[in-house]
Amino acid sequence: MDGGRRFLRSLKEQLYSLLWPALLRPAGAVGAQLPLNPFQPRPAPRFRPPQQPQPEAAPAAPARREGPSALDRLTAFAALPGVGTLGLAILFGGVGWTAVVHNGSYAALVAQGGDPADIVARAIGFPIDAVTISGQQRLREQEILAAAHIDPRKSLLLLDAAEVRRRLIQLPLVKSVRVLKFYPDRLVIALEEREPNALWQRDGKVAVIAADGTVIDELSDDRFLGLPFVVGEGAEKRLPEYKALREGLGDIASRIKAGVLVSGRRWSLMTNNGVEIKLPERDPGAAVGTLTRLQREARILDKDILSIDLRMPGRVAVRLTEDGAAARAAAAPRKPVKSGGHT
């Protein structure tokens, strides 16, 4: 008996020594659910109500940015088309400018390539590759371009259209002009030229003038010799008066060489054969009517005369040439000479 109890006690002690470390483990660990006494019945599990799931916390909203940073704006600007080319042009232009200023060859650079600003503008795509000129009749294209100061060294971007128009309107032949820029590289110049209307002589020089009296150019060839010819100070401004007198002459107009404005007051007409026809200051049209009647009835312009004075109303004074005077004297009847007797 004692031996059996000793055997059982020793067996129980061995079991406790094996199971004691498991009793010290936390719940959920391996062996934590083993009973303290394996020979005792296991108690019924305690009922625990199911736990409600906790709602997940909403993710934190990202911090709001006030706007793009300076670096972002700079990056976006650099990505624009043409910015890289412009930057390179400015870079190389700056380097070239420094070298030119240092070497003292700025004048040579401008003479060869134009203004530095125009060089940069051409490099980024704004040259003047095409110039269209319309309306010119007597002006040559090279004359127009030279007067406008337009050459391949200029850029369309920096070209001042108003300044080009101002230069061209100063040409005597140019009556009006329009200057249009079509980017990136085309320039259009539309001209209206003045029409040569008469010749004007002053101080021994003959000029071609327009209808308004504007001097177009000096007479240098015979293209305009058929135009009406006026002489004297202020005659160019009274051209319409002279042309009206010529129209009143009818067929005689072809025999009139020039109209001379005398003292700024009245006209004298000079014929091709040198006869001076003096018209009155007032109502010169009536005097022209008298002249046409005399030519029709007496062929007065075919006589040997120096001048016809029509300045006095209702009176005509004619001055003969020497030959005409001699012929008149020869044709005049001689008076008989009375003979006296001697006493």
C-alpha atoms as a PDB file:
ATOM      1  CA  MET A   1       0.000   0.000   0.000  1.00  0.00           C
ATOM      2  CA  ASP A   2       2.651   2.449   1.050  1.00  0.00           C
ATOM      3  CA  GLY A   3       4.562   1.598  -2.002  1.00  0.00           C
ATOM      4  CA  GLY A   4       1.603   2.350  -4.254  1.00  0.00           C
ATOM      5  CA  ARG A   5       1.002   5.742  -2.638  1.00  0.00           C
ATOM      6  CA  ARG A   6       4.612   6.622  -2.976  1.00  0.00           C
ATOM      7  CA  PHE A   7       4.454   5.708  -6.641  1.00  0.00           C
ATOM      8  CA  LEU A   8       1.407   7.869  -7.259  1.00  0.00           C
ATOM      9  CA  ARG A   9       2.882  10.813  -5.353  1.00  0.00           C
ATOM     10  CA  SER A  10       6.078  10.656  -7.310  1.00  0.00           C
ATOM     11  CA  LEU A  11       4.157  10.513 -10.565  1.00  0.00           C
ATOM     12  CA  LYS A  12       2.058  13.567  -9.560  1.00  0.00           C
ATOM     13  CA  GLU A  13       5.181  15.515  -8.705  1.00  0.00           C
ATOM     14  CA  GLN A  14       6.684  14.758 -12.085  1.00  0.00           C
ATOM     15  CA  LEU A  15       3.537  15.885 -13.858  1.00  0.00           C
ATOM     16  CA  TYR A  16       3.486  19.177 -11.894  1.00  0.00           C
ATOM     17  CA  SER A  17       7.095  19.776 -12.735  1.00  0.00           C
ATOM     18  CA  LEU A  18       6.371  19.301 -16.398  1.00  0.00           C
ATOM     19  CA  LEU A  19       3.177  21.376 -16.483  1.00  0.00           C
ATOM     20  CA  TRP A  20       4.205  24.272 -14.210  1.00  0.00           C
ATOM     21  CA  PRO A  21       6.025  26.326 -16.866  1.00  0.00           C
ATOM     22  CA  ALA A  22       2.887  26.242 -19.031  1.00  0.00           C
ATOM     23  CA  LEU A  23       0.890  27.740 -16.209  1.00  0.00           C
ATOM     24  CA  LEU A  24       3.130  30.770 -16.220  1.00  0.00           C
ATOM     25  CA  ARG A  25       2.468  31.511 -19.977  1.00  0.00           C
ATOM     26  CA  PRO A  26      -0.024  34.253 -20.918  1.00  0.00           C
ATOM     27  CA  ALA A  27      -3.429  33.480 -22.307  1.00  0.00           C
ATOM     28  CA  GLY A  28      -3.327  32.416 -25.917  1.00  0.00           C
ATOM     29  CA  ALA A  29       0.126  30.878 -25.608  1.00  0.00           C
ATOM     30  CA  VAL A  30       0.756  27.267 -26.311  1.00  0.00           C
ATOM     31  CA  GLY A  31      -0.393  25.204 -23.301  1.00  0.00           C
ATOM     32  CA  ALA A  32      -2.130  28.101 -21.594  1.00  0.00           C
ATOM     33  CA  GLN A  33      -5.488  26.300 -21.807  1.00  0.00           C
ATOM     34  CA  LEU A  34      -4.291  23.154 -20.097  1.00  0.00           C
ATOM     35  CA  PRO A  35      -5.952  22.530 -16.704  1.00  0.00           C
ATOM     36  CA  LEU A  36      -3.896  22.827 -13.561  1.00  0.00           C
ATOM     37  CA  ASN A  37      -4.732  19.307 -12.725  1.00  0.00           C
ATOM     38  CA  PRO A  38      -5.012  17.075 -15.713  1.00  0.00           C
ATOM     39  CA  PHE A  39      -6.873  14.564 -13.738  1.00  0.00           C
ATOM     40  CA  GLN A  40      -9.651  16.961 -12.885  1.00  0.00           C
ATOM     41  CA  PRO A  41     -12.541  17.585 -15.312  1.00  0.00           C
ATOM     42  CA  ARG A  42     -12.217  20.726 -17.567  1.00  0.00           C
ATOM     43  CA  PRO A  43     -14.633  23.516 -16.615  1.00  0.00           C
ATOM     44  CA  ALA A  44     -17.211  24.639 -19.171  1.00  0.00           C
ATOM     45  CA  PRO A  45     -16.127  27.612 -21.287  1.00  0.00           C
ATOM     46  CA  ARG A  46     -17.449  30.998 -20.160  1.00  0.00           C
ATOM     47  CA  PHE A  47     -19.812  32.797 -22.628  1.00  0.00           C
ATOM     48  CA  ARG A  48     -18.502  36.054 -23.949  1.00  0.00           C
ATOM     49  CA  PRO A  49     -20.668  38.363 -26.113  1.00  0.00           C
ATOM     50  CA  PRO A  50     -19.265  39.085 -29.564  1.00  0.00           C
ATOM     51  CA  GLN A  51     -17.472  42.388 -29.827  1.00  0.00           C
ATOM     52  CA  GLN A  52     -18.790  45.008 -32.249  1.00  0.00           C
ATOM     53  CA  PRO A  53     -16.271  45.966 -34.980  1.00  0.00           C
ATOM     54  CA  GLN A  54     -14.828  49.423 -34.433  1.00  0.00           C
ATOM     55  CA  PRO A  55     -15.225  51.824 -37.389  1.00  0.00           C
ATOM     56  CA  GLU A  56     -12.022  52.575 -39.129  1.00  0.00           C
ATOM     57  CA  ALA A  57     -10.739  56.101 -38.787  1.00  0.00           C
ATOM     58  CA  ALA A  58     -11.078  58.216 -41.941  1.00  0.00           C
ATOM     59  CA  PRO A  59      -7.772  58.879 -43.660  1.00  0.00           C
ATOM     60  CA  ALA A  60      -6.357  62.267 -42.934  1.00  0.00           C
ATOM     61  CA  ALA A  61      -6.980  64.810 -45.727  1.00  0.00           C
ATOM     62  CA  PRO A  62      -3.831  65.866 -47.542  1.00  0.00           C
ATOM     63  CA  ALA A  63      -2.553  69.310 -46.714  1.00  0.00           C
ATOM     64  CA  ARG A  64      -3.892  71.925 -49.110  1.00  0.00           C
ATOM     65  CA  ARG A  65      -1.279  73.672 -51.228  1.00  0.00           C
ATOM     66  CA  GLU A  66      -1.624  77.407 -51.612  1.00  0.00           C
ATOM     67  CA  GLY A  67      -0.368  77.368 -55.262  1.00  0.00           C
ATOM     68  CA  PRO A  68       2.511  76.339 -57.512  1.00  0.00           C
ATOM     69  CA  SER A  69       5.876  77.150 -56.162  1.00  0.00           C
ATOM     70  CA  ALA A  70       8.311  79.443 -57.902  1.00  0.00           C
ATOM     71  CA  LEU A  71      10.266  76.417 -59.048  1.00  0.00           C
ATOM     72  CA  ASP A  72       7.128  74.871 -60.572  1.00  0.00           C
ATOM     73  CA  ARG A  73       6.331  78.079 -62.458  1.00  0.00           C
ATOM     74  CA  LEU A  74       9.886  78.369 -63.722  1.00  0.00           C
ATOM     75  CA  THR A  75       9.828  74.749 -64.897  1.00  0.00           C
ATOM     76  CA  ALA A  76       6.516  75.266 -66.726  1.00  0.00           C
ATOM     77  CA  PHE A  77       7.826  78.406 -68.430  1.00  0.00           C
ATOM     78  CA  ALA A  78      10.999  76.653 -69.541  1.00  0.00           C
ATOM     79  CA  ALA A  79       8.879  73.916 -71.138  1.00  0.00           C
ATOM     80  CA  LEU A  80       7.082  76.383 -73.471  1.00  0.00           C
ATOM     81  CA  PRO A  81       7.944  76.119 -77.207  1.00  0.00           C
ATOM     82  CA  GLY A  82      10.745  78.419 -78.260  1.00  0.00           C
ATOM     83  CA  VAL A  83      11.903  79.340 -74.766  1.00  0.00           C
ATOM     84  CA  GLY A  84      14.971  77.174 -75.084  1.00  0.00           C
ATOM     85  CA  THR A  85      15.888  78.739 -78.418  1.00  0.00           C
ATOM     86  CA  LEU A  86      15.366  82.200 -76.991  1.00  0.00           C
ATOM     87  CA  GLY A  87      17.547  81.377 -74.022  1.00  0.00           C
ATOM     88  CA  LEU A  88      20.331  80.116 -76.240  1.00  0.00           C
ATOM     89  CA  ALA A  89      20.063  83.184 -78.458  1.00  0.00           C
ATOM     90  CA  ILE A  90      20.280  85.478 -75.450  1.00  0.00           C
ATOM     91  CA  LEU A  91      23.178  83.498 -74.051  1.00  0.00           C
ATOM     92  CA  PHE A  92      25.203  83.526 -77.252  1.00  0.00           C
ATOM     93  CA  GLY A  93      24.159  87.098 -77.922  1.00  0.00           C
ATOM     94  CA  GLY A  94      25.411  88.140 -74.502  1.00  0.00           C
ATOM     95  CA  VAL A  95      28.700  86.374 -75.009  1.00  0.00           C
ATOM     96  CA  GLY A  96      29.099  87.923 -78.447  1.00  0.00           C
ATOM     97  CA  TRP A  97      28.160  91.345 -77.126  1.00  0.00           C
ATOM     98  CA  THR A  98      30.768  91.116 -74.402  1.00  0.00           C
ATOM     99  CA  ALA A  99      33.411  90.102 -76.910  1.00  0.00           C
ATOM    100  CA  VAL A 100      32.431  92.867 -79.317  1.00  0.00           C
ATOM    101  CA  VAL A 101      32.483  95.565 -76.656  1.00  0.00           C
ATOM    102  CA  HIS A 102      35.787  94.269 -75.334  1.00  0.00           C
ATOM    103  CA  ASN A 103      37.385  94.216 -78.773  1.00  0.00           C
ATOM    104  CA  GLY A 104      35.857  97.531 -79.882  1.00  0.00           C
ATOM    105  CA  SER A 105      34.264  96.125 -83.061  1.00  0.00           C
ATOM    106  CA  TYR A 106      30.629  97.064 -82.385  1.00  0.00           C
ATOM    107  CA  ALA A 107      30.377  99.228 -85.498  1.00  0.00           C
ATOM    108  CA  ALA A 108      31.625  96.355 -87.649  1.00  0.00           C
ATOM    109  CA  LEU A 109      29.070  93.996 -86.076  1.00  0.00           C
ATOM    110  CA  VAL A 110      26.176  96.366 -86.737  1.00  0.00           C
ATOM    111  CA  ALA A 111      27.355  97.007 -90.294  1.00  0.00           C
ATOM    112  CA  GLN A 112      27.495  93.295 -91.027  1.00  0.00           C
ATOM    113  CA  GLY A 113      24.675  91.763 -88.997  1.00  0.00           C
ATOM    114  CA  GLY A 114      22.506  94.662 -87.885  1.00  0.00           C
ATOM    115  CA  ASP A 115      21.469  95.777 -84.432  1.00  0.00           C
ATOM    116  CA  PRO A 116      21.991  93.093 -81.729  1.00  0.00           C
ATOM    117  CA  ALA A 117      18.281  93.165 -80.892  1.00  0.00           C
ATOM    118  CA  ASP A 118      17.455  92.463 -84.552  1.00  0.00           C
ATOM    119  CA  ILE A 119      19.984  89.627 -84.569  1.00  0.00           C
ATOM    120  CA  VAL A 120      18.209  87.978 -81.623  1.00  0.00           C
ATOM    121  CA  ALA A 121      14.757  88.582 -83.171  1.00  0.00           C
ATOM    122  CA  ARG A 122      15.849  86.956 -86.430  1.00  0.00           C
ATOM    123  CA  ALA A 123      17.353  84.028 -84.530  1.00  0.00           C
ATOM    124  CA  ILE A 124      14.061  83.241 -82.781  1.00  0.00           C
ATOM    125  CA  GLY A 125      12.107  83.224 -86.053  1.00  0.00           C
ATOM    126  CA  PHE A 126      11.150  86.802 -87.026  1.00  0.00           C
ATOM    127  CA  PRO A 127      13.271  87.765 -90.060  1.00  0.00           C
ATOM    128  CA  ILE A 128      12.025  89.713 -93.088  1.00  0.00           C
ATOM    129  CA  ASP A 129      12.045  87.026 -95.757  1.00  0.00           C
ATOM    130  CA  ALA A 130       9.421  88.504 -98.117  1.00  0.00           C
ATOM    131  CA  VAL A 131       8.528  92.104 -99.023  1.00  0.00           C
ATOM    132  CA  THR A 132       5.482  92.674-101.255  1.00  0.00           C
ATOM    133  CA  ILE A 133       5.244  96.124-102.900  1.00  0.00           C
ATOM    134  CA  SER A 134       2.190  97.224-104.879  1.00  0.00           C
ATOM    135  CA  GLY A 135       1.023 100.430-106.563  1.00  0.00           C
ATOM    136  CA  GLN A 136       4.404 101.656-107.769  1.00  0.00           C
ATOM    137  CA  GLN A 137       4.585 102.871-111.371  1.00  0.00           C
ATOM    138  CA  ARG A 138       7.611 105.126-111.632  1.00  0.00           C
ATOM    139  CA  LEU A 139       9.417 104.248-108.412  1.00  0.00           C
ATOM    140  CA  ARG A 140      11.676 101.214-108.498  1.00  0.00           C
ATOM    141  CA  GLU A 141      11.542  98.607-105.744  1.00  0.00           C
ATOM    142  CA  GLN A 142      15.132  99.283-104.727  1.00  0.00           C
ATOM    143  CA  GLU A 143      14.324 102.980-104.330  1.00  0.00           C
ATOM    144  CA  ILE A 144      11.415 102.122-102.040  1.00  0.00           C
ATOM    145  CA  LEU A 145      13.411  99.689 -99.891  1.00  0.00           C
ATOM    146  CA  ALA A 146      16.299 102.124 -99.581  1.00  0.00           C
ATOM    147  CA  ALA A 147      13.994 104.982 -98.568  1.00  0.00           C
ATOM    148  CA  ALA A 148      12.291 102.746 -95.983  1.00  0.00           C
ATOM    149  CA  HIS A 149      15.672 101.516 -94.609  1.00  0.00           C
ATOM    150  CA  ILE A 150      14.634  97.891 -95.094  1.00  0.00           C
ATOM    151  CA  ASP A 151      17.335  95.268 -95.646  1.00  0.00           C
ATOM    152  CA  PRO A 152      18.049  91.649 -94.573  1.00  0.00           C
ATOM    153  CA  ARG A 153      19.612  92.871 -91.321  1.00  0.00           C
ATOM    154  CA  LYS A 154      16.234  94.046 -90.023  1.00  0.00           C
ATOM    155  CA  SER A 155      13.730  91.876 -88.153  1.00  0.00           C
ATOM    156  CA  LEU A 156       9.969  91.958 -88.599  1.00  0.00           C
ATOM    157  CA  LEU A 157       9.440  91.827 -84.833  1.00  0.00           C
ATOM    158  CA  LEU A 158      11.236  95.120 -84.152  1.00  0.00           C
ATOM    159  CA  LEU A 159      10.329  96.910 -87.397  1.00  0.00           C
ATOM    160  CA  ASP A 160       8.382 100.135 -86.735  1.00  0.00           C
ATOM    161  CA  ALA A 161       5.674 100.223 -89.414  1.00  0.00           C
ATOM    162  CA  ALA A 162       4.749 103.829 -88.593  1.00  0.00           C
ATOM    163  CA  GLU A 163       8.349 104.933 -89.071  1.00  0.00           C
ATOM    164  CA  VAL A 164       8.551 103.116 -92.409  1.00  0.00           C
ATOM    165  CA  ARG A 165       5.386 104.893 -93.544  1.00  0.00           C
ATOM    166  CA  ARG A 166       6.765 108.266 -92.426  1.00  0.00           C
ATOM    167  CA  ARG A 167       9.901 107.744 -94.491  1.00  0.00           C
ATOM    168  CA  LEU A 168       8.042 106.640 -97.606  1.00  0.00           C
ATOM    169  CA  ILE A 169       5.493 109.453 -97.511  1.00  0.00           C
ATOM    170  CA  GLN A 170       8.393 111.898 -97.786  1.00  0.00           C
ATOM    171  CA  LEU A 171       9.119 110.654-101.305  1.00  0.00           C
ATOM    172  CA  PRO A 172       7.706 113.250-103.720  1.00  0.00           C
ATOM    173  CA  LEU A 173       6.099 110.609-105.920  1.00  0.00           C
ATOM    174  CA  VAL A 174       4.296 108.926-102.999  1.00  0.00           C
ATOM    175  CA  LYS A 175       0.794 110.257-102.323  1.00  0.00           C
ATOM    176  CA  SER A 176      -0.239 107.659 -99.730  1.00  0.00           C
ATOM    177  CA  VAL A 177       1.187 104.436 -98.312  1.00  0.00           C
ATOM    178  CA  ARG A 178       0.172 101.561 -96.046  1.00  0.00           C
ATOM    179  CA  VAL A 179       2.646  99.296 -94.262  1.00  0.00           C
ATOM    180  CA  LEU A 180       1.441  95.923 -92.933  1.00  0.00           C
ATOM    181  CA  LYS A 181       3.359  93.264 -90.996  1.00  0.00           C
ATOM    182  CA  PHE A 182       2.352  89.604 -91.326  1.00  0.00           C
ATOM    183  CA  TYR A 183       4.162  87.472 -88.789  1.00  0.00           C
ATOM    184  CA  PRO A 184       6.487  85.727 -88.753  1.00  0.00           C
ATOM    185  CA  ASP A 185       8.379  87.011 -91.821  1.00  0.00           C
ATOM    186  CA  ARG A 186       6.294  88.956 -94.401  1.00  0.00           C
ATOM    187  CA  LEU A 187       6.043  92.723 -94.980  1.00  0.00           C
ATOM    188  CA  VAL A 188       3.506  94.382 -97.319  1.00  0.00           C
ATOM    189  CA  ILE A 189       3.861  97.950 -98.663  1.00  0.00           C
ATOM    190  CA  ALA A 190       0.911  99.390-100.641  1.00  0.00           C
ATOM    191  CA  LEU A 191       1.674 102.664-102.435  1.00  0.00           C
ATOM    192  CA  GLU A 192      -0.326 105.264-104.312  1.00  0.00           C
ATOM    193  CA  GLU A 193       1.859 107.450-106.489  1.00  0.00           C
ATOM    194  CA  ARG A 194       1.204 111.019-107.500  1.00  0.00           C
ATOM    195  CA  GLU A 195       0.462 111.563-111.179  1.00  0.00           C
ATOM    196  CA  PRO A 196       2.748 114.035-113.004  1.00  0.00           C
ATOM    197  CA  ASN A 197       0.415 116.847-113.991  1.00  0.00           C
ATOM    198  CA  ALA A 198       2.536 119.749-115.218  1.00  0.00           C
ATOM    199  CA  LEU A 199       5.996 121.263-115.479  1.00  0.00           C
ATOM    200  CA  TRP A 200       6.991 124.230-113.342  1.00  0.00           C
ATOM    201  CA  GLN A 201       9.935 126.529-113.955  1.00  0.00           C
ATOM    202  CA  ARG A 202      11.415 128.657-111.209  1.00  0.00           C
ATOM    203  CA  ASP A 203      14.851 130.265-111.067  1.00  0.00           C
ATOM    204  CA  GLY A 204      15.786 128.580-114.315  1.00  0.00           C
ATOM    205  CA  LYS A 205      15.048 125.045-113.057  1.00  0.00           C
ATOM    206  CA  VAL A 206      12.203 122.912-114.371  1.00  0.00           C
ATOM    207  CA  ALA A 207      10.434 120.396-112.120  1.00  0.00           C
ATOM    208  CA  VAL A 208       7.656 117.855-112.604  1.00  0.00           C
ATOM    209  CA  ILE A 209       4.707 118.662-110.324  1.00  0.00           C
ATOM    210  CA  ALA A 210       1.491 116.935-109.298  1.00  0.00           C
ATOM    211  CA  ALA A 211      -2.018 118.372-109.586  1.00  0.00           C
ATOM    212  CA  ASP A 212      -1.763 119.877-106.107  1.00  0.00           C
ATOM    213  CA  GLY A 213       1.519 121.600-106.966  1.00  0.00           C
ATOM    214  CA  THR A 214       3.772 119.161-105.123  1.00  0.00           C
ATOM    215  CA  VAL A 215       7.162 118.853-106.770  1.00  0.00           C
ATOM    216  CA  ILE A 216       7.679 115.247-107.820  1.00  0.00           C
ATOM    217  CA  ASP A 217      11.142 115.459-109.310  1.00  0.00           C
ATOM    218  CA  GLU A 218      13.371 117.591-111.471  1.00  0.00           C
ATOM    219  CA  LEU A 219      12.867 117.223-115.199  1.00  0.00           C
ATOM    220  CA  SER A 220      15.627 114.878-116.348  1.00  0.00           C
ATOM    221  CA  ASP A 221      14.283 113.391-119.590  1.00  0.00           C
ATOM    222  CA  ASP A 222      11.774 114.112-122.340  1.00  0.00           C
ATOM    223  CA  ARG A 223       8.978 111.841-121.055  1.00  0.00           C
ATOM    224  CA  PHE A 224       7.031 114.769-119.583  1.00  0.00           C
ATOM    225  CA  LEU A 225       7.627 117.448-122.190  1.00  0.00           C
ATOM    226  CA  GLY A 226       4.016 117.223-123.348  1.00  0.00           C
ATOM    227  CA  LEU A 227       2.651 118.322-119.961  1.00  0.00           C
ATOM    228  CA  PRO A 228       1.332 121.866-119.377  1.00  0.00           C
ATOM    229  CA  PHE A 229       4.115 124.291-118.516  1.00  0.00           C
ATOM    230  CA  VAL A 230       3.841 127.100-115.939  1.00  0.00           C
ATOM    231  CA  VAL A 231       6.457 129.671-114.964  1.00  0.00           C
ATOM    232  CA  GLY A 232       6.866 131.945-111.977  1.00  0.00           C
ATOM    233  CA  GLU A 233       6.687 132.011-108.207  1.00  0.00           C
ATOM    234  CA  GLY A 234       3.399 130.546-107.008  1.00  0.00           C
ATOM    235  CA  ALA A 235       2.366 129.305-110.441  1.00  0.00           C
ATOM    236  CA  GLU A 236       2.464 125.674-109.249  1.00  0.00           C
ATOM    237  CA  LYS A 237      -0.281 126.402-106.693  1.00  0.00           C
ATOM    238  CA  ARG A 238      -2.545 128.030-109.298  1.00  0.00           C
ATOM    239  CA  LEU A 239      -2.252 125.252-111.830  1.00  0.00           C
ATOM    240  CA  PRO A 240      -6.055 124.673-112.036  1.00  0.00           C
ATOM    241  CA  GLU A 241      -6.545 128.292-113.199  1.00  0.00           C
ATOM    242  CA  TYR A 242      -4.064 127.896-116.011  1.00  0.00           C
ATOM    243  CA  LYS A 243      -5.536 124.579-117.130  1.00  0.00           C
ATOM    244  CA  ALA A 244      -8.995 126.167-117.247  1.00  0.00           C
ATOM    245  CA  LEU A 245      -7.653 128.949-119.501  1.00  0.00           C
ATOM    246  CA  ARG A 246      -6.121 126.369-121.825  1.00  0.00           C
ATOM    247  CA  GLU A 247      -9.419 124.560-122.108  1.00  0.00           C
ATOM    248  CA  GLY A 248     -11.104 127.825-123.106  1.00  0.00           C
ATOM    249  CA  LEU A 249      -8.624 128.334-125.953  1.00  0.00           C
ATOM    250  CA  GLY A 250      -9.947 125.377-127.918  1.00  0.00           C
ATOM    251  CA  ASP A 251      -7.757 124.633-130.936  1.00  0.00           C
ATOM    252  CA  ILE A 252      -5.400 127.466-130.031  1.00  0.00           C
ATOM    253  CA  ALA A 253      -4.275 125.557-126.916  1.00  0.00           C
ATOM    254  CA  SER A 254      -1.871 123.489-129.010  1.00  0.00           C
ATOM    255  CA  ARG A 255      -0.055 126.722-129.927  1.00  0.00           C
ATOM    256  CA  ILE A 256       0.433 127.755-126.296  1.00  0.00           C
ATOM    257  CA  LYS A 257       3.835 126.841-124.915  1.00  0.00           C
ATOM    258  CA  ALA A 258       3.601 128.134-121.340  1.00  0.00           C
ATOM    259  CA  GLY A 259       1.624 130.173-118.881  1.00  0.00           C
ATOM    260  CA  VAL A 260       3.578 132.823-116.971  1.00  0.00           C
ATOM    261  CA  LEU A 261       2.248 134.123-113.670  1.00  0.00           C
ATOM    262  CA  VAL A 262       3.222 137.796-113.525  1.00  0.00           C
ATOM    263  CA  SER A 263       3.801 139.247-110.045  1.00  0.00           C
ATOM    264  CA  GLY A 264       1.471 136.629-108.615  1.00  0.00           C
ATOM    265  CA  ARG A 265      -1.528 138.529-110.049  1.00  0.00           C
ATOM    266  CA  ARG A 266      -2.255 137.708-113.683  1.00  0.00           C
ATOM    267  CA  TRP A 267      -1.372 135.314-116.486  1.00  0.00           C
ATOM    268  CA  SER A 268       0.454 135.839-119.756  1.00  0.00           C
ATOM    269  CA  LEU A 269       0.302 133.127-122.404  1.00  0.00           C
ATOM    270  CA  MET A 270       3.415 132.396-124.488  1.00  0.00           C
ATOM    271  CA  THR A 271       2.929 130.823-127.916  1.00  0.00           C
ATOM    272  CA  ASN A 272       5.304 128.456-129.658  1.00  0.00           C
ATOM    273  CA  ASN A 273       6.492 131.242-131.994  1.00  0.00           C
ATOM    274  CA  GLY A 274       7.203 133.639-129.128  1.00  0.00           C
ATOM    275  CA  VAL A 275       4.052 135.799-129.071  1.00  0.00           C
ATOM    276  CA  GLU A 276       3.058 137.045-125.610  1.00  0.00           C
ATOM    277  CA  ILE A 277      -0.673 137.254-124.911  1.00  0.00           C
ATOM    278  CA  LYS A 278      -1.304 139.478-121.902  1.00  0.00           C
ATOM    279  CA  LEU A 279      -4.473 138.565-120.005  1.00  0.00           C
ATOM    280  CA  PRO A 280      -6.184 140.792-117.432  1.00  0.00           C
ATOM    281  CA  GLU A 281      -6.143 140.075-113.718  1.00  0.00           C
ATOM    282  CA  ARG A 282      -9.929 140.106-113.614  1.00  0.00           C
ATOM    283  CA  ASP A 283     -12.029 137.902-115.843  1.00  0.00           C
ATOM    284  CA  PRO A 284      -9.220 136.404-117.933  1.00  0.00           C
ATOM    285  CA  GLY A 285     -11.737 133.974-119.420  1.00  0.00           C
ATOM    286  CA  ALA A 286     -13.455 136.791-121.343  1.00  0.00           C
ATOM    287  CA  ALA A 287     -10.106 137.865-122.792  1.00  0.00           C
ATOM    288  CA  VAL A 288      -9.482 134.301-123.925  1.00  0.00           C
ATOM    289  CA  GLY A 289     -12.834 134.423-125.743  1.00  0.00           C
ATOM    290  CA  THR A 290     -11.738 137.606-127.535  1.00  0.00           C
ATOM    291  CA  LEU A 291      -8.484 135.960-128.578  1.00  0.00           C
ATOM    292  CA  THR A 292     -10.209 132.947-130.088  1.00  0.00           C
ATOM    293  CA  ARG A 293     -12.520 135.255-132.070  1.00  0.00           C
ATOM    294  CA  LEU A 294      -9.593 137.281-133.436  1.00  0.00           C
ATOM    295  CA  GLN A 295      -7.806 134.122-134.482  1.00  0.00           C
ATOM    296  CA  ARG A 296     -10.882 132.800-136.199  1.00  0.00           C
ATOM    297  CA  GLU A 297     -11.624 136.031-138.045  1.00  0.00           C
ATOM    298  CA  ALA A 298      -8.207 137.587-138.683  1.00  0.00           C
ATOM    299  CA  ARG A 299      -5.692 134.828-138.016  1.00  0.00           C
ATOM    300  CA  ILE A 300      -4.006 137.220-135.633  1.00  0.00           C
ATOM    301  CA  LEU A 301      -1.544 134.683-134.267  1.00  0.00           C
ATOM    302  CA  ASP A 302      -0.186 134.145-137.781  1.00  0.00           C
ATOM    303  CA  LYS A 303       0.891 137.774-138.142  1.00  0.00           C
ATOM    304  CA  ASP A 304       4.350 139.223-137.493  1.00  0.00           C
ATOM    305  CA  ILE A 305       3.572 140.328-133.968  1.00  0.00           C
ATOM    306  CA  LEU A 306       5.382 140.340-130.649  1.00  0.00           C
ATOM    307  CA  SER A 307       2.476 140.627-128.249  1.00  0.00           C
ATOM    308  CA  ILE A 308      -1.278 140.986-127.905  1.00  0.00           C
ATOM    309  CA  ASP A 309      -2.484 143.042-124.967  1.00  0.00           C
ATOM    310  CA  LEU A 310      -5.982 142.121-123.813  1.00  0.00           C
ATOM    311  CA  ARG A 311      -5.767 143.701-120.374  1.00  0.00           C
ATOM    312  CA  MET A 312      -8.126 146.563-121.191  1.00  0.00           C
ATOM    313  CA  PRO A 313     -11.769 145.524-121.622  1.00  0.00           C
ATOM    314  CA  GLY A 314     -13.029 146.109-125.180  1.00  0.00           C
ATOM    315  CA  ARG A 315      -9.593 147.064-126.473  1.00  0.00           C
ATOM    316  CA  VAL A 316      -6.828 145.097-128.200  1.00  0.00           C
ATOM    317  CA  ALA A 317      -3.267 146.397-128.511  1.00  0.00           C
ATOM    318  CA  VAL A 318      -0.862 144.612-130.818  1.00  0.00           C
ATOM    319  CA  ARG A 319       2.878 145.115-130.958  1.00  0.00           C
ATOM    320  CA  LEU A 320       4.533 144.244-134.253  1.00  0.00           C
ATOM    321  CA  THR A 321       7.943 142.814-134.870  1.00  0.00           C
ATOM    322  CA  GLU A 322      10.493 144.884-136.763  1.00  0.00           C
ATOM    323  CA  ASP A 323       9.784 142.974-139.909  1.00  0.00           C
ATOM    324  CA  GLY A 324       6.097 143.325-139.305  1.00  0.00           C
ATOM    325  CA  ALA A 325       6.428 147.031-138.724  1.00  0.00           C
ATOM    326  CA  ALA A 326       8.495 147.426-141.893  1.00  0.00           C
ATOM    327  CA  ALA A 327       6.020 145.432-143.889  1.00  0.00           C
ATOM    328  CA  ARG A 328       3.194 147.484-142.506  1.00  0.00           C
ATOM    329  CA  ALA A 329       4.988 150.686-143.353  1.00  0.00           C
ATOM    330  CA  ALA A 330       5.681 149.472-146.862  1.00  0.00           C
ATOM    331  CA  ALA A 331       2.099 148.510-147.364  1.00  0.00           C
ATOM    332  CA  ALA A 332       0.757 151.815-146.125  1.00  0.00           C
ATOM    333  CA  PRO A 333      -0.383 154.217-148.945  1.00  0.00           C
ATOM    334  CA  ARG A 334       1.921 157.162-149.478  1.00  0.00           C
ATOM    335  CA  LYS A 335       0.540 160.681-149.307  1.00  0.00           C
ATOM    336  CA  PRO A 336       1.130 162.854-152.478  1.00  0.00           C
ATOM    337  CA  VAL A 337       3.822 165.529-152.127  1.00  0.00           C
ATOM    338  CA  LYS A 338       2.615 169.047-152.894  1.00  0.00           C
ATOM    339  CA  SER A 339       4.859 170.962-155.368  1.00  0.00           C
ATOM    340  CA  GLY A 340       5.242 174.702-154.870  1.00  0.00           C
ATOM    341  CA  GLY A 341       5.891 177.328-157.706  1.00  0.00           C
ATOM    342  CA  HIS A 342       8.678 179.916-157.707  1.00  0.00           C
ATOM    343  CA  THR A 343       7.652 183.420-157.805  1.00  0.00           C
END
